[in-house]
Amino acid sequence: MSQQPSDQYVEQQWETPSHEEIPVITKMHVAGMEATSADEAWVVAGMHHVVIHTIGRKSGNEHKVSLPIWRDADGHRIVVASFAGHENHPSWFVNLRDTSVNPEVKVRSQHGMYWSKPEILEGDDYTTTWAGLTADRAWYDDYQARTDRRIPLVRLPETRPA
């Protein structure tokens, strides 16, 4: 069954940055998002973004990453640990999945901040969510084709206010 594009549908009209460029771009994007709540910082390439705060599992330092979100059928924010199809998981995901260090993560959205107990999707939940996501954002299928690892999907429910 073919899915119709949703209000979250985005066509890729940019060149995917290199794995070396992604952290540099992300750092600049986080700085811009922290400076303003204007759409110009928070809605990039037609996608709403969040800033996720994690604690480094080795360093103990706080790290911030900006990520585009996609909303699932229940309206929960979903982020994708694609790292543009790199062979390794992005460091934010490796930190996030270590629940001994990150039992919750702080998430900043355009109009607020909250704590989340992230849910790494598995099974049918993953399959259904991936299908909806890639119907709206086909480039994630291209990223998946570049790597042998399964690209993780993470749901960021609002656990409590920050």
Protein backbone atom coordinates (compact mmCIF):
# COMPACT_ATOMS: atom_id res chain seq x y z
CA MET A 1 0.00 0.00 0.00
CA SER A 2 1.41 3.39 -1.00
CA GLN A 3 1.23 6.14 1.58
CA GLN A 4 0.24 9.67 0.65
CA PRO A 5 2.67 12.40 1.65
CA SER A 6 1.75 13.99 4.97
CA ASP A 7 2.12 17.54 6.21
CA GLN A 8 5.63 16.44 7.22
CA TYR A 9 6.64 15.61 3.65
CA VAL A 10 9.98 17.13 2.59
CA GLU A 11 11.87 16.66 -0.65
CA GLN A 12 15.63 16.73 -0.30
CA GLN A 13 16.87 19.83 -2.10
CA TRP A 14 20.35 19.93 -0.58
CA GLU A 15 23.53 17.95 -0.81
CA THR A 16 24.12 15.72 2.20
CA PRO A 17 27.04 17.11 4.21
CA SER A 18 30.10 14.93 4.80
CA HIS A 19 30.56 13.10 8.09
CA GLU A 20 33.28 15.61 8.96
CA GLU A 21 30.98 18.58 8.23
CA ILE A 22 27.98 17.30 10.23
CA PRO A 23 29.41 18.05 13.73
CA VAL A 24 30.53 21.54 12.63
CA ILE A 25 27.14 22.36 11.12
CA THR A 26 25.38 20.95 14.19
CA LYS A 27 27.42 23.09 16.59
CA MET A 28 26.54 26.24 14.63
CA HIS A 29 22.89 25.21 14.42
CA VAL A 30 22.66 24.60 18.19
CA ALA A 31 24.14 28.07 18.83
CA GLY A 32 21.57 29.65 16.53
CA MET A 33 18.70 27.74 18.12
CA GLU A 34 19.81 28.75 21.61
CA ALA A 35 19.94 32.41 20.57
CA THR A 36 16.38 32.73 19.26
CA SER A 37 12.99 31.06 19.01
CA ALA A 38 12.50 32.36 15.45
CA ASP A 39 11.42 29.93 12.75
CA GLU A 40 14.61 30.73 10.78
CA ALA A 41 16.62 28.83 13.41
CA TRP A 42 14.14 26.11 14.36
CA VAL A 43 12.55 25.19 11.01
CA VAL A 44 15.29 24.32 8.54
CA ALA A 45 14.70 22.78 5.11
CA GLY A 46 11.00 22.46 5.98
CA MET A 47 11.69 20.39 9.12
CA HIS A 48 11.19 21.35 12.76
CA HIS A 49 14.23 20.68 14.95
CA VAL A 50 15.03 20.03 18.60
CA VAL A 51 18.17 20.27 20.68
CA ILE A 52 18.92 17.12 22.66
CA HIS A 53 21.17 17.37 25.72
CA THR A 54 23.04 14.16 26.61
CA ILE A 55 25.76 13.37 29.11
CA GLY A 56 28.88 11.75 27.67
CA ARG A 57 29.18 8.17 28.90
CA LYS A 58 32.97 8.50 29.13
CA SER A 59 33.56 12.22 29.70
CA GLY A 60 30.58 13.04 31.92
CA ASN A 61 30.26 16.30 29.97
CA GLU A 62 27.00 17.66 28.60
CA HIS A 63 26.69 17.48 24.82
CA LYS A 64 24.07 19.14 22.62
CA VAL A 65 22.93 18.14 19.17
CA SER A 66 20.32 19.64 16.85
CA LEU A 67 18.17 17.11 15.05
CA PRO A 68 15.18 17.29 12.74
CA ILE A 69 12.05 15.69 14.13
CA TRP A 70 9.24 13.74 12.54
CA ARG A 71 6.03 13.14 14.46
CA ASP A 72 4.57 9.65 14.75
CA ALA A 73 0.84 8.83 14.61
CA ASP A 74 0.48 9.79 18.30
CA GLY A 75 2.25 13.13 17.79
CA HIS A 76 5.46 12.10 19.57
CA ARG A 77 8.73 13.49 18.29
CA ILE A 78 10.92 10.96 16.46
CA VAL A 79 14.62 11.55 15.73
CA VAL A 80 16.78 9.47 13.43
CA ALA A 81 20.31 8.32 14.32
CA SER A 82 21.34 8.18 10.67
CA PHE A 83 24.61 10.15 10.69
CA ALA A 84 23.93 10.31 6.92
CA GLY A 85 24.50 6.56 6.60
CA HIS A 86 27.90 6.47 8.33
CA GLU A 87 29.07 2.99 9.36
CA ASN A 88 28.96 3.96 13.07
CA HIS A 89 26.14 5.30 15.19
CA PRO A 90 26.37 9.02 15.95
CA SER A 91 27.87 9.78 19.37
CA TRP A 92 24.66 11.41 20.63
CA PHE A 93 22.85 8.11 20.10
CA VAL A 94 25.58 6.03 21.77
CA ASN A 95 25.34 8.34 24.80
CA LEU A 96 21.52 8.40 24.80
CA ARG A 97 21.17 4.61 24.75
CA ASP A 98 23.38 4.30 27.84
CA THR A 99 20.56 4.64 30.36
CA SER A 100 22.93 4.36 33.32
CA VAL A 101 24.30 7.77 32.32
CA ASN A 102 21.23 9.14 30.50
CA PRO A 103 18.08 7.73 32.14
CA GLU A 104 16.45 10.89 30.78
CA VAL A 105 17.57 13.52 28.31
CA LYS A 106 16.66 17.18 28.19
CA VAL A 107 14.98 18.21 24.95
CA ARG A 108 14.61 21.82 23.87
CA SER A 109 11.94 22.57 21.31
CA GLN A 110 11.20 25.90 19.67
CA HIS A 111 8.79 26.93 22.42
CA GLY A 112 9.89 25.05 25.51
CA MET A 113 12.01 22.44 27.21
CA TYR A 114 11.19 19.05 28.71
CA TRP A 115 12.74 15.85 30.04
CA SER A 116 12.27 12.67 28.05
CA LYS A 117 12.84 8.98 28.70
CA PRO A 118 13.87 8.13 25.13
CA GLU A 119 12.41 5.02 23.53
CA ILE A 120 14.59 3.24 20.97
CA LEU A 121 12.08 1.70 18.59
CA GLU A 122 12.07 -2.03 17.88
CA GLY A 123 9.94 -4.61 16.08
CA ASP A 124 6.65 -3.58 14.48
CA ASP A 125 6.87 -0.13 16.07
CA TYR A 126 10.17 0.44 14.23
CA THR A 127 8.88 -0.98 10.95
CA THR A 128 5.69 1.10 10.95
CA THR A 129 7.48 4.28 12.01
CA TRP A 130 10.28 3.80 9.45
CA ALA A 131 7.69 3.35 6.68
CA GLY A 132 5.90 6.57 7.61
CA LEU A 133 9.13 8.50 8.04
CA THR A 134 10.62 7.41 4.71
CA ALA A 135 7.36 8.09 2.88
CA ASP A 136 7.82 11.70 3.99
CA ARG A 137 11.62 11.85 3.86
CA ALA A 138 12.91 9.43 1.26
CA TRP A 139 16.60 10.27 1.78
CA TYR A 140 16.65 8.14 4.94
CA ASP A 141 16.26 5.06 2.71
CA ASP A 142 19.36 6.27 0.82
CA TYR A 143 21.24 6.63 4.12
CA GLN A 144 20.17 3.12 5.17
CA ALA A 145 21.50 1.75 1.86
CA ARG A 146 24.95 3.23 2.67
CA THR A 147 25.45 1.25 5.89
CA ASP A 148 25.16 -2.28 7.24
CA ARG A 149 23.87 -1.06 10.64
CA ARG A 150 20.16 -0.57 11.10
CA ILE A 151 19.57 3.16 11.51
CA PRO A 152 17.94 3.69 14.92
CA LEU A 153 14.73 5.62 15.48
CA VAL A 154 14.21 7.28 18.86
CA ARG A 155 10.89 8.48 20.24
CA LEU A 156 11.18 11.46 22.60
CA PRO A 157 8.01 11.52 24.71
CA GLU A 158 7.53 14.43 27.10
CA THR A 159 8.19 12.80 30.49
CA ARG A 160 8.15 15.95 32.65
CA PRO A 161 8.80 19.70 32.32
CA ALA A 162 12.40 20.90 32.49
